Amino acid sequence: MRWVEGFSALFNLLYVLGLIRHKRWAWPAGFLGCLMAVILFYDQKLFLESTLNLAYAGLAVFGWIQWGLPARQVSITSLSFFTAIQIGGIGLIISGILSYVFARFSSNPNPILDSGIFTFSILATYGQAKRILQNWHAWILINLAMVILCLWRDLTIYAAYSALMTVLAFAGLRSWKLEDRP
């Protein structure tokens, strides 16, 4: 499984580098990385991470389509503070429900962390496809949580990849903020 872990991390790294640079080719790279991650995480019994990567693959198709629209239709936007709080609250509720279900009815070894990463990653990926600036804030926290989860599961390549992704999320935030200036 190490080769699957390595190639998944590589394709997903290309995805983030492409997003930072506003390149549409990022979405197919992310699609491939996510399909490999489905296999990897299922093998680790991290069922929500596996499902998450399947959803990412679908969102990669959505992102590819969104980023193919004329630039004026996909400019960077920001959420109001109130909207961001509402979305965060909804994410916490969904994450709590999933945590309970997977703790009670599955062999998932880390249902709380897995559920939070799953829920907020879906929201953040949607934010990337829609070019919502706050997606980068979410990715900083999500990637830190992934480092912890991967270290617990002895997925050292993915833990290192997630640490790098945390740094790249800061770079993405900076890049998108610069583009958003009038």
N, C-alpha and C. Protein backbone atom coordinates (compact mmCIF):
# COMPACT_ATOMS: atom_id res chain seq x y z
N MET A 1 0.81 -1.22 0.00
CA MET A 1 0.00 0.00 0.00
C MET A 1 0.84 1.27 0.00
N ARG A 2 2.13 1.16 0.30
CA ARG A 2 2.97 2.37 0.33
C ARG A 2 3.02 3.05 -1.03
N TRP A 3 3.04 2.27 -2.11
CA TRP A 3 3.09 2.91 -3.43
C TRP A 3 1.79 3.65 -3.72
N VAL A 4 0.65 3.12 -3.28
CA VAL A 4 -0.63 3.81 -3.45
C VAL A 4 -0.62 5.09 -2.63
N GLU A 5 -0.13 5.01 -1.40
CA GLU A 5 -0.03 6.17 -0.53
C GLU A 5 0.84 7.25 -1.17
N GLY A 6 1.98 6.84 -1.72
CA GLY A 6 2.91 7.78 -2.34
C GLY A 6 2.34 8.46 -3.56
N PHE A 7 1.75 7.68 -4.47
CA PHE A 7 1.18 8.28 -5.68
C PHE A 7 -0.04 9.14 -5.38
N SER A 8 -0.83 8.72 -4.43
CA SER A 8 -1.98 9.53 -4.03
C SER A 8 -1.51 10.89 -3.51
N ALA A 9 -0.53 10.86 -2.63
CA ALA A 9 0.02 12.11 -2.09
C ALA A 9 0.60 12.97 -3.20
N LEU A 10 1.31 12.37 -4.15
CA LEU A 10 1.92 13.12 -5.25
C LEU A 10 0.86 13.82 -6.11
N PHE A 11 -0.17 13.07 -6.52
CA PHE A 11 -1.22 13.68 -7.34
C PHE A 11 -1.98 14.76 -6.57
N ASN A 12 -2.22 14.52 -5.29
CA ASN A 12 -2.92 15.53 -4.49
C ASN A 12 -2.06 16.75 -4.22
N LEU A 13 -0.76 16.57 -4.15
CA LEU A 13 0.16 17.70 -4.03
C LEU A 13 0.11 18.54 -5.31
N LEU A 14 0.12 17.88 -6.46
CA LEU A 14 -0.01 18.61 -7.72
C LEU A 14 -1.32 19.39 -7.77
N TYR A 15 -2.36 18.78 -7.25
CA TYR A 15 -3.67 19.43 -7.20
C TYR A 15 -3.60 20.76 -6.44
N VAL A 16 -3.03 20.74 -5.25
CA VAL A 16 -2.97 21.96 -4.44
C VAL A 16 -2.06 23.00 -5.08
N LEU A 17 -0.93 22.56 -5.62
CA LEU A 17 -0.04 23.51 -6.30
C LEU A 17 -0.76 24.16 -7.47
N GLY A 18 -1.55 23.38 -8.19
CA GLY A 18 -2.33 23.94 -9.29
C GLY A 18 -3.39 24.92 -8.81
N LEU A 19 -4.05 24.59 -7.70
CA LEU A 19 -5.06 25.51 -7.16
C LEU A 19 -4.45 26.83 -6.74
N ILE A 20 -3.30 26.74 -6.07
CA ILE A 20 -2.63 27.96 -5.63
C ILE A 20 -2.35 28.87 -6.82
N ARG A 21 -1.97 28.26 -7.94
CA ARG A 21 -1.61 29.03 -9.14
C ARG A 21 -2.80 29.24 -10.06
N HIS A 22 -4.00 28.86 -9.61
CA HIS A 22 -5.24 29.08 -10.37
C HIS A 22 -5.24 28.32 -11.70
N LYS A 23 -4.77 27.09 -11.70
CA LYS A 23 -4.68 26.27 -12.91
C LYS A 23 -5.80 25.24 -12.93
N ARG A 24 -6.49 25.15 -14.03
CA ARG A 24 -7.61 24.22 -14.15
C ARG A 24 -7.14 22.76 -14.15
N TRP A 25 -5.91 22.49 -14.60
CA TRP A 25 -5.41 21.12 -14.62
C TRP A 25 -5.30 20.52 -13.22
N ALA A 26 -5.40 21.36 -12.20
CA ALA A 26 -5.33 20.86 -10.82
C ALA A 26 -6.43 19.84 -10.55
N TRP A 27 -7.60 20.05 -11.11
CA TRP A 27 -8.74 19.20 -10.80
C TRP A 27 -8.56 17.75 -11.25
N PRO A 28 -8.08 17.47 -12.49
CA PRO A 28 -7.82 16.06 -12.85
C PRO A 28 -6.72 15.42 -11.99
N ALA A 29 -5.71 16.19 -11.61
CA ALA A 29 -4.66 15.64 -10.73
C ALA A 29 -5.28 15.23 -9.40
N GLY A 30 -6.13 16.09 -8.85
CA GLY A 30 -6.81 15.77 -7.60
C GLY A 30 -7.73 14.56 -7.74
N PHE A 31 -8.38 14.46 -8.88
CA PHE A 31 -9.25 13.31 -9.15
C PHE A 31 -8.47 12.00 -9.04
N LEU A 32 -7.31 11.93 -9.68
CA LEU A 32 -6.50 10.72 -9.63
C LEU A 32 -5.98 10.43 -8.22
N GLY A 33 -5.51 11.46 -7.54
CA GLY A 33 -5.02 11.28 -6.18
C GLY A 33 -6.10 10.77 -5.25
N CYS A 34 -7.30 11.26 -5.45
CA CYS A 34 -8.41 10.85 -4.59
C CYS A 34 -8.83 9.41 -4.84
N LEU A 35 -8.84 8.99 -6.09
CA LEU A 35 -9.20 7.60 -6.36
C LEU A 35 -8.23 6.65 -5.69
N MET A 36 -6.95 6.98 -5.69
CA MET A 36 -5.96 6.14 -5.01
C MET A 36 -6.16 6.17 -3.49
N ALA A 37 -6.54 7.33 -2.98
CA ALA A 37 -6.75 7.46 -1.53
C ALA A 37 -7.96 6.65 -1.07
N VAL A 38 -8.95 6.46 -1.94
CA VAL A 38 -10.11 5.63 -1.59
C VAL A 38 -9.63 4.24 -1.18
N ILE A 39 -8.75 3.67 -1.99
CA ILE A 39 -8.22 2.33 -1.73
C ILE A 39 -7.39 2.32 -0.45
N LEU A 40 -6.52 3.30 -0.32
CA LEU A 40 -5.62 3.38 0.83
C LEU A 40 -6.40 3.45 2.15
N PHE A 41 -7.34 4.37 2.24
CA PHE A 41 -8.05 4.57 3.49
C PHE A 41 -9.04 3.44 3.79
N TYR A 42 -9.60 2.84 2.76
CA TYR A 42 -10.48 1.69 2.99
C TYR A 42 -9.67 0.55 3.60
N ASP A 43 -8.46 0.35 3.09
CA ASP A 43 -7.58 -0.68 3.63
C ASP A 43 -7.26 -0.42 5.10
N GLN A 44 -7.23 0.84 5.51
CA GLN A 44 -6.95 1.22 6.90
C GLN A 44 -8.20 1.24 7.78
N LYS A 45 -9.34 0.90 7.19
CA LYS A 45 -10.64 0.91 7.89
C LYS A 45 -11.06 2.32 8.30
N LEU A 46 -10.51 3.30 7.63
CA LEU A 46 -10.95 4.69 7.82
C LEU A 46 -12.01 4.96 6.76
N PHE A 47 -13.21 4.46 7.04
CA PHE A 47 -14.26 4.42 6.04
C PHE A 47 -14.73 5.80 5.62
N LEU A 48 -14.75 6.75 6.55
CA LEU A 48 -15.15 8.10 6.17
C LEU A 48 -14.07 8.77 5.32
N GLU A 49 -12.81 8.51 5.59
CA GLU A 49 -11.74 9.06 4.75
C GLU A 49 -11.83 8.47 3.34
N SER A 50 -12.15 7.18 3.26
CA SER A 50 -12.32 6.54 1.96
C SER A 50 -13.50 7.15 1.21
N THR A 51 -14.62 7.29 1.90
CA THR A 51 -15.81 7.90 1.30
C THR A 51 -15.54 9.35 0.94
N LEU A 52 -14.82 10.04 1.80
CA LEU A 52 -14.46 11.43 1.54
C LEU A 52 -13.71 11.55 0.22
N ASN A 53 -12.76 10.67 0.00
CA ASN A 53 -11.98 10.76 -1.23
C ASN A 53 -12.79 10.40 -2.46
N LEU A 54 -13.80 9.57 -2.29
CA LEU A 54 -14.73 9.31 -3.39
C LEU A 54 -15.53 10.58 -3.69
N ALA A 55 -15.96 11.26 -2.63
CA ALA A 55 -16.68 12.53 -2.81
C ALA A 55 -15.76 13.58 -3.43
N TYR A 56 -14.49 13.61 -3.00
CA TYR A 56 -13.52 14.53 -3.60
C TYR A 56 -13.42 14.31 -5.11
N ALA A 57 -13.40 13.06 -5.51
CA ALA A 57 -13.31 12.76 -6.94
C ALA A 57 -14.50 13.38 -7.68
N GLY A 58 -15.69 13.25 -7.09
CA GLY A 58 -16.87 13.88 -7.70
C GLY A 58 -16.77 15.40 -7.68
N LEU A 59 -16.27 15.95 -6.59
CA LEU A 59 -16.10 17.40 -6.51
C LEU A 59 -15.01 17.88 -7.48
N ALA A 60 -14.06 17.02 -7.79
CA ALA A 60 -13.03 17.39 -8.77
C ALA A 60 -13.66 17.60 -10.14
N VAL A 61 -14.65 16.79 -10.47
CA VAL A 61 -15.37 16.98 -11.74
C VAL A 61 -16.13 18.30 -11.68
N PHE A 62 -16.79 18.57 -10.55
CA PHE A 62 -17.50 19.84 -10.35
C PHE A 62 -16.54 21.02 -10.47
N GLY A 63 -15.37 20.92 -9.83
CA GLY A 63 -14.37 21.99 -9.89
C GLY A 63 -13.87 22.21 -11.31
N TRP A 64 -13.62 21.12 -12.03
CA TRP A 64 -13.17 21.21 -13.43
C TRP A 64 -14.18 22.00 -14.25
N ILE A 65 -15.47 21.71 -14.05
CA ILE A 65 -16.53 22.41 -14.78
C ILE A 65 -16.59 23.87 -14.34
N GLN A 66 -16.58 24.12 -13.02
CA GLN A 66 -16.66 25.48 -12.50
C GLN A 66 -15.52 26.35 -13.01
N TRP A 67 -14.32 25.79 -13.00
CA TRP A 67 -13.15 26.58 -13.40
C TRP A 67 -13.04 26.71 -14.91
N GLY A 68 -13.93 26.04 -15.63
CA GLY A 68 -13.97 26.21 -17.08
C GLY A 68 -14.90 27.33 -17.51
N LEU A 69 -15.64 27.88 -16.55
CA LEU A 69 -16.54 29.00 -16.84
C LEU A 69 -15.73 30.27 -17.06
N PRO A 70 -16.32 31.25 -17.73
CA PRO A 70 -15.61 32.53 -17.89
C PRO A 70 -15.18 33.11 -16.54
N ALA A 71 -14.03 33.77 -16.50
CA ALA A 71 -13.42 34.27 -15.26
C ALA A 71 -14.37 35.12 -14.42
N ARG A 72 -15.18 35.93 -15.04
CA ARG A 72 -16.07 36.80 -14.27
C ARG A 72 -17.09 36.01 -13.46
N GLN A 73 -17.37 34.76 -13.87
CA GLN A 73 -18.33 33.94 -13.16
C GLN A 73 -17.69 33.17 -12.00
N VAL A 74 -16.37 33.12 -11.93
CA VAL A 74 -15.70 32.35 -10.89
C VAL A 74 -14.66 33.18 -10.15
N SER A 75 -14.93 34.46 -9.95
CA SER A 75 -13.99 35.30 -9.21
C SER A 75 -14.01 34.90 -7.74
N ILE A 76 -12.96 35.25 -7.03
CA ILE A 76 -12.83 34.91 -5.62
C ILE A 76 -13.85 35.70 -4.81
N THR A 77 -14.53 35.01 -3.90
CA THR A 77 -15.51 35.65 -3.03
C THR A 77 -15.17 35.34 -1.58
N SER A 78 -15.75 36.11 -0.67
CA SER A 78 -15.57 35.88 0.76
C SER A 78 -16.93 35.74 1.42
N LEU A 79 -17.00 34.87 2.40
CA LEU A 79 -18.22 34.71 3.18
C LEU A 79 -18.27 35.79 4.26
N SER A 80 -19.47 36.18 4.62
CA SER A 80 -19.60 37.07 5.78
C SER A 80 -19.28 36.26 7.03
N PHE A 81 -18.93 36.94 8.09
CA PHE A 81 -18.62 36.27 9.35
C PHE A 81 -19.80 35.41 9.80
N PHE A 82 -21.01 35.95 9.70
CA PHE A 82 -22.21 35.23 10.14
C PHE A 82 -22.41 33.97 9.30
N THR A 83 -22.22 34.05 8.00
CA THR A 83 -22.38 32.88 7.13
C THR A 83 -21.32 31.83 7.46
N ALA A 84 -20.09 32.27 7.69
CA ALA A 84 -19.02 31.33 8.03
C ALA A 84 -19.33 30.60 9.34
N ILE A 85 -19.87 31.31 10.33
CA ILE A 85 -20.25 30.71 11.61
C ILE A 85 -21.38 29.71 11.41
N GLN A 86 -22.36 30.05 10.59
CA GLN A 86 -23.47 29.14 10.32
C GLN A 86 -22.97 27.85 9.66
N ILE A 87 -22.12 27.98 8.67
CA ILE A 87 -21.58 26.81 7.98
C ILE A 87 -20.75 25.96 8.95
N GLY A 88 -19.95 26.61 9.78
CA GLY A 88 -19.18 25.89 10.79
C GLY A 88 -20.07 25.14 11.77
N GLY A 89 -21.15 25.76 12.19
CA GLY A 89 -22.09 25.10 13.10
C GLY A 89 -22.77 23.89 12.47
N ILE A 90 -23.17 24.05 11.23
CA ILE A 90 -23.77 22.92 10.50
C ILE A 90 -22.75 21.79 10.36
N GLY A 91 -21.51 22.16 10.07
CA GLY A 91 -20.44 21.16 9.96
C GLY A 91 -20.23 20.41 11.26
N LEU A 92 -20.26 21.11 12.38
CA LEU A 92 -20.10 20.47 13.69
C LEU A 92 -21.25 19.51 13.99
N ILE A 93 -22.46 19.89 13.64
CA ILE A 93 -23.61 19.01 13.86
C ILE A 93 -23.49 17.74 13.02
N ILE A 94 -23.19 17.90 11.75
CA ILE A 94 -23.04 16.73 10.87
C ILE A 94 -21.90 15.85 11.35
N SER A 95 -20.80 16.47 11.71
CA SER A 95 -19.65 15.72 12.21
C SER A 95 -19.99 14.95 13.48
N GLY A 96 -20.74 15.57 14.37
CA GLY A 96 -21.16 14.90 15.60
C GLY A 96 -22.03 13.68 15.33
N ILE A 97 -22.96 13.82 14.41
CA ILE A 97 -23.83 12.70 14.06
C ILE A 97 -23.01 11.56 13.45
N LEU A 98 -22.13 11.89 12.52
CA LEU A 98 -21.29 10.86 11.89
C LEU A 98 -20.37 10.20 12.91
N SER A 99 -19.83 10.98 13.82
CA SER A 99 -18.97 10.42 14.88
C SER A 99 -19.71 9.37 15.67
N TYR A 100 -20.92 9.70 16.08
CA TYR A 100 -21.73 8.76 16.86
C TYR A 100 -22.00 7.48 16.06
N VAL A 101 -22.44 7.65 14.82
CA VAL A 101 -22.78 6.49 13.99
C VAL A 101 -21.58 5.58 13.79
N PHE A 102 -20.42 6.18 13.45
CA PHE A 102 -19.25 5.36 13.16
C PHE A 102 -18.60 4.80 14.43
N ALA A 103 -18.77 5.47 15.55
CA ALA A 103 -18.26 4.92 16.81
C ALA A 103 -19.11 3.71 17.24
N ARG A 104 -20.37 3.81 17.01
CA ARG A 104 -21.30 2.76 17.47
C ARG A 104 -21.40 1.59 16.50
N PHE A 105 -21.34 1.85 15.19
CA PHE A 105 -21.69 0.81 14.23
C PHE A 105 -20.57 0.41 13.26
N SER A 106 -19.33 0.81 13.53
CA SER A 106 -18.25 0.42 12.62
C SER A 106 -16.99 0.10 13.41
N SER A 107 -16.01 -0.38 12.69
CA SER A 107 -14.71 -0.67 13.30
C SER A 107 -13.74 0.48 13.09
N ASN A 108 -14.25 1.64 12.76
CA ASN A 108 -13.41 2.82 12.54
C ASN A 108 -12.61 3.11 13.82
N PRO A 109 -11.28 3.15 13.72
CA PRO A 109 -10.47 3.34 14.93
C PRO A 109 -10.42 4.78 15.45
N ASN A 110 -10.82 5.74 14.64
CA ASN A 110 -10.78 7.16 15.03
C ASN A 110 -12.02 7.89 14.50
N PRO A 111 -13.21 7.53 14.97
CA PRO A 111 -14.43 8.07 14.37
C PRO A 111 -14.62 9.58 14.56
N ILE A 112 -14.18 10.14 15.66
CA ILE A 112 -14.39 11.57 15.89
C ILE A 112 -13.54 12.40 14.94
N LEU A 113 -12.25 12.11 14.90
CA LEU A 113 -11.36 12.84 14.01
C LEU A 113 -11.71 12.59 12.55
N ASP A 114 -12.02 11.34 12.23
CA ASP A 114 -12.38 10.97 10.87
C ASP A 114 -13.64 11.71 10.42
N SER A 115 -14.63 11.82 11.30
CA SER A 115 -15.88 12.51 10.96
C SER A 115 -15.68 14.00 10.75
N GLY A 116 -14.88 14.61 11.62
CA GLY A 116 -14.61 16.04 11.46
C GLY A 116 -13.86 16.35 10.18
N ILE A 117 -12.85 15.56 9.90
CA ILE A 117 -12.09 15.75 8.66
C ILE A 117 -13.00 15.56 7.46
N PHE A 118 -13.81 14.51 7.50
CA PHE A 118 -14.74 14.23 6.40
C PHE A 118 -15.67 15.42 6.13
N THR A 119 -16.36 15.84 7.17
CA THR A 119 -17.37 16.89 7.02
C THR A 119 -16.77 18.21 6.53
N PHE A 120 -15.73 18.65 7.21
CA PHE A 120 -15.17 19.96 6.86
C PHE A 120 -14.39 19.92 5.55
N SER A 121 -13.89 18.77 5.17
CA SER A 121 -13.20 18.65 3.88
C SER A 121 -14.18 18.79 2.71
N ILE A 122 -15.36 18.21 2.87
CA ILE A 122 -16.39 18.37 1.82
C ILE A 122 -16.73 19.85 1.67
N LEU A 123 -16.95 20.51 2.80
CA LEU A 123 -17.28 21.93 2.75
C LEU A 123 -16.14 22.76 2.15
N ALA A 124 -14.91 22.45 2.53
CA ALA A 124 -13.76 23.21 2.02
C ALA A 124 -13.53 22.97 0.53
N THR A 125 -13.72 21.73 0.09
CA THR A 125 -13.53 21.44 -1.34
C THR A 125 -14.59 22.14 -2.17
N TYR A 126 -15.81 22.18 -1.69
CA TYR A 126 -16.85 22.94 -2.36
C TYR A 126 -16.44 24.42 -2.43
N GLY A 127 -15.88 24.92 -1.33
CA GLY A 127 -15.40 26.30 -1.30
C GLY A 127 -14.29 26.55 -2.30
N GLN A 128 -13.43 25.56 -2.53
CA GLN A 128 -12.38 25.72 -3.54
C GLN A 128 -12.99 25.81 -4.93
N ALA A 129 -13.93 24.91 -5.20
CA ALA A 129 -14.56 24.90 -6.52
C ALA A 129 -15.29 26.22 -6.79
N LYS A 130 -15.90 26.79 -5.76
CA LYS A 130 -16.62 28.06 -5.89
C LYS A 130 -15.72 29.28 -5.67
N ARG A 131 -14.43 29.03 -5.40
CA ARG A 131 -13.43 30.07 -5.15
C ARG A 131 -13.81 30.98 -3.97
N ILE A 132 -14.16 30.34 -2.87
CA ILE A 132 -14.47 31.06 -1.63
C ILE A 132 -13.18 31.12 -0.81
N LEU A 133 -12.74 32.31 -0.51
CA LEU A 133 -11.45 32.53 0.14
C LEU A 133 -11.28 31.72 1.43
N GLN A 134 -12.33 31.64 2.24
CA GLN A 134 -12.21 30.98 3.54
C GLN A 134 -11.92 29.49 3.45
N ASN A 135 -11.99 28.90 2.26
CA ASN A 135 -11.66 27.47 2.16
C ASN A 135 -10.25 27.22 2.66
N TRP A 136 -9.35 28.18 2.46
CA TRP A 136 -7.95 27.99 2.87
C TRP A 136 -7.81 27.96 4.39
N HIS A 137 -8.62 28.74 5.09
CA HIS A 137 -8.61 28.69 6.56
C HIS A 137 -9.00 27.29 7.03
N ALA A 138 -10.05 26.76 6.41
CA ALA A 138 -10.50 25.42 6.77
C ALA A 138 -9.42 24.39 6.49
N TRP A 139 -8.73 24.53 5.35
CA TRP A 139 -7.71 23.53 5.00
C TRP A 139 -6.53 23.55 5.96
N ILE A 140 -6.22 24.68 6.49
CA ILE A 140 -5.13 24.73 7.47
C ILE A 140 -5.47 23.82 8.66
N LEU A 141 -6.67 23.95 9.18
CA LEU A 141 -7.10 23.13 10.33
C LEU A 141 -7.29 21.66 9.94
N ILE A 142 -7.88 21.42 8.80
CA ILE A 142 -8.12 20.04 8.34
C ILE A 142 -6.80 19.30 8.17
N ASN A 143 -5.84 19.95 7.55
CA ASN A 143 -4.55 19.29 7.31
C ASN A 143 -3.80 19.01 8.60
N LEU A 144 -3.91 19.89 9.57
CA LEU A 144 -3.31 19.61 10.89
C LEU A 144 -3.97 18.39 11.53
N ALA A 145 -5.28 18.30 11.42
CA ALA A 145 -5.99 17.12 11.95
C ALA A 145 -5.57 15.86 11.21
N MET A 146 -5.34 15.96 9.90
CA MET A 146 -4.90 14.80 9.12
C MET A 146 -3.51 14.33 9.55
N VAL A 147 -2.64 15.25 9.89
CA VAL A 147 -1.31 14.87 10.37
C VAL A 147 -1.47 13.96 11.59
N ILE A 148 -2.30 14.38 12.52
CA ILE A 148 -2.52 13.60 13.75
C ILE A 148 -3.12 12.23 13.41
N LEU A 149 -4.17 12.21 12.61
CA LEU A 149 -4.82 10.96 12.25
C LEU A 149 -3.85 10.00 11.55
N CYS A 150 -3.09 10.51 10.61
CA CYS A 150 -2.17 9.66 9.85
C CYS A 150 -1.03 9.14 10.72
N LEU A 151 -0.55 9.95 11.64
CA LEU A 151 0.48 9.45 12.55
C LEU A 151 -0.06 8.33 13.44
N TRP A 152 -1.30 8.47 13.90
CA TRP A 152 -1.92 7.42 14.70
C TRP A 152 -2.07 6.12 13.91
N ARG A 153 -2.28 6.23 12.60
CA ARG A 153 -2.50 5.05 11.76
C ARG A 153 -1.23 4.58 11.06
N ASP A 154 -0.08 5.16 11.39
CA ASP A 154 1.21 4.80 10.80
C ASP A 154 1.24 5.02 9.28
N LEU A 155 0.57 6.06 8.84
CA LEU A 155 0.60 6.47 7.44
C LEU A 155 1.59 7.64 7.33
N THR A 156 2.86 7.32 7.41
CA THR A 156 3.88 8.37 7.53
C THR A 156 3.98 9.23 6.28
N ILE A 157 3.83 8.64 5.11
CA ILE A 157 3.88 9.43 3.87
C ILE A 157 2.74 10.44 3.87
N TYR A 158 1.55 9.98 4.23
CA TYR A 158 0.39 10.88 4.24
C TYR A 158 0.48 11.90 5.36
N ALA A 159 1.10 11.55 6.46
CA ALA A 159 1.29 12.53 7.54
C ALA A 159 2.21 13.65 7.08
N ALA A 160 3.32 13.27 6.43
CA ALA A 160 4.25 14.28 5.90
C ALA A 160 3.56 15.10 4.81
N TYR A 161 2.83 14.44 3.96
CA TYR A 161 2.07 15.13 2.91
C TYR A 161 1.09 16.13 3.53
N SER A 162 0.38 15.72 4.58
CA SER A 162 -0.59 16.61 5.23
C SER A 162 0.09 17.80 5.90
N ALA A 163 1.28 17.58 6.45
CA ALA A 163 2.04 18.69 7.03
C ALA A 163 2.42 19.68 5.94
N LEU A 164 2.88 19.16 4.81
CA LEU A 164 3.21 20.03 3.68
C LEU A 164 1.97 20.76 3.18
N MET A 165 0.84 20.07 3.17
CA MET A 165 -0.41 20.69 2.72
C MET A 165 -0.84 21.83 3.65
N THR A 166 -0.51 21.72 4.92
CA THR A 166 -0.80 22.81 5.86
C THR A 166 -0.04 24.06 5.44
N VAL A 167 1.23 23.89 5.14
CA VAL A 167 2.06 25.02 4.69
C VAL A 167 1.51 25.57 3.37
N LEU A 168 1.14 24.68 2.46
CA LEU A 168 0.62 25.12 1.17
C LEU A 168 -0.73 25.82 1.30
N ALA A 169 -1.51 25.45 2.31
CA ALA A 169 -2.78 26.14 2.54
C ALA A 169 -2.54 27.60 2.92
N PHE A 170 -1.49 27.86 3.69
CA PHE A 170 -1.11 29.25 3.97
C PHE A 170 -0.72 29.97 2.68
N ALA A 171 0.02 29.28 1.82
CA ALA A 171 0.44 29.87 0.53
C ALA A 171 -0.78 30.13 -0.35
N GLY A 172 -1.72 29.19 -0.35
CA GLY A 172 -2.95 29.38 -1.13
C GLY A 172 -3.76 30.56 -0.64
N LEU A 173 -3.87 30.69 0.67
CA LEU A 173 -4.59 31.83 1.25
C LEU A 173 -3.94 33.14 0.81
N ARG A 174 -2.64 33.19 0.90
CA ARG A 174 -1.92 34.41 0.50
C ARG A 174 -2.11 34.71 -0.98
N SER A 175 -1.97 33.69 -1.81
CA SER A 175 -2.12 33.86 -3.25
C SER A 175 -3.51 34.34 -3.62
N TRP A 176 -4.53 33.74 -3.04
CA TRP A 176 -5.90 34.13 -3.36
C TRP A 176 -6.22 35.52 -2.83
N LYS A 177 -5.65 35.87 -1.67
CA LYS A 177 -5.86 37.23 -1.15
C LYS A 177 -5.26 38.26 -2.09
N LEU A 178 -4.08 37.96 -2.63
CA LEU A 178 -3.42 38.89 -3.57
C LEU A 178 -4.24 39.03 -4.85
N GLU A 179 -4.81 37.93 -5.33
CA GLU A 179 -5.62 37.99 -6.55
C GLU A 179 -6.90 38.75 -6.31
N ASP A 180 -7.41 38.69 -5.09
CA ASP A 180 -8.70 39.31 -4.76
C ASP A 180 -8.59 40.82 -4.60
N ARG A 181 -7.38 41.34 -4.54
CA ARG A 181 -7.24 42.80 -4.37
C ARG A 181 -7.68 43.54 -5.62
N PRO A 182 -8.35 44.68 -5.42
CA PRO A 182 -8.81 45.47 -6.58
C PRO A 182 -7.65 46.11 -7.33
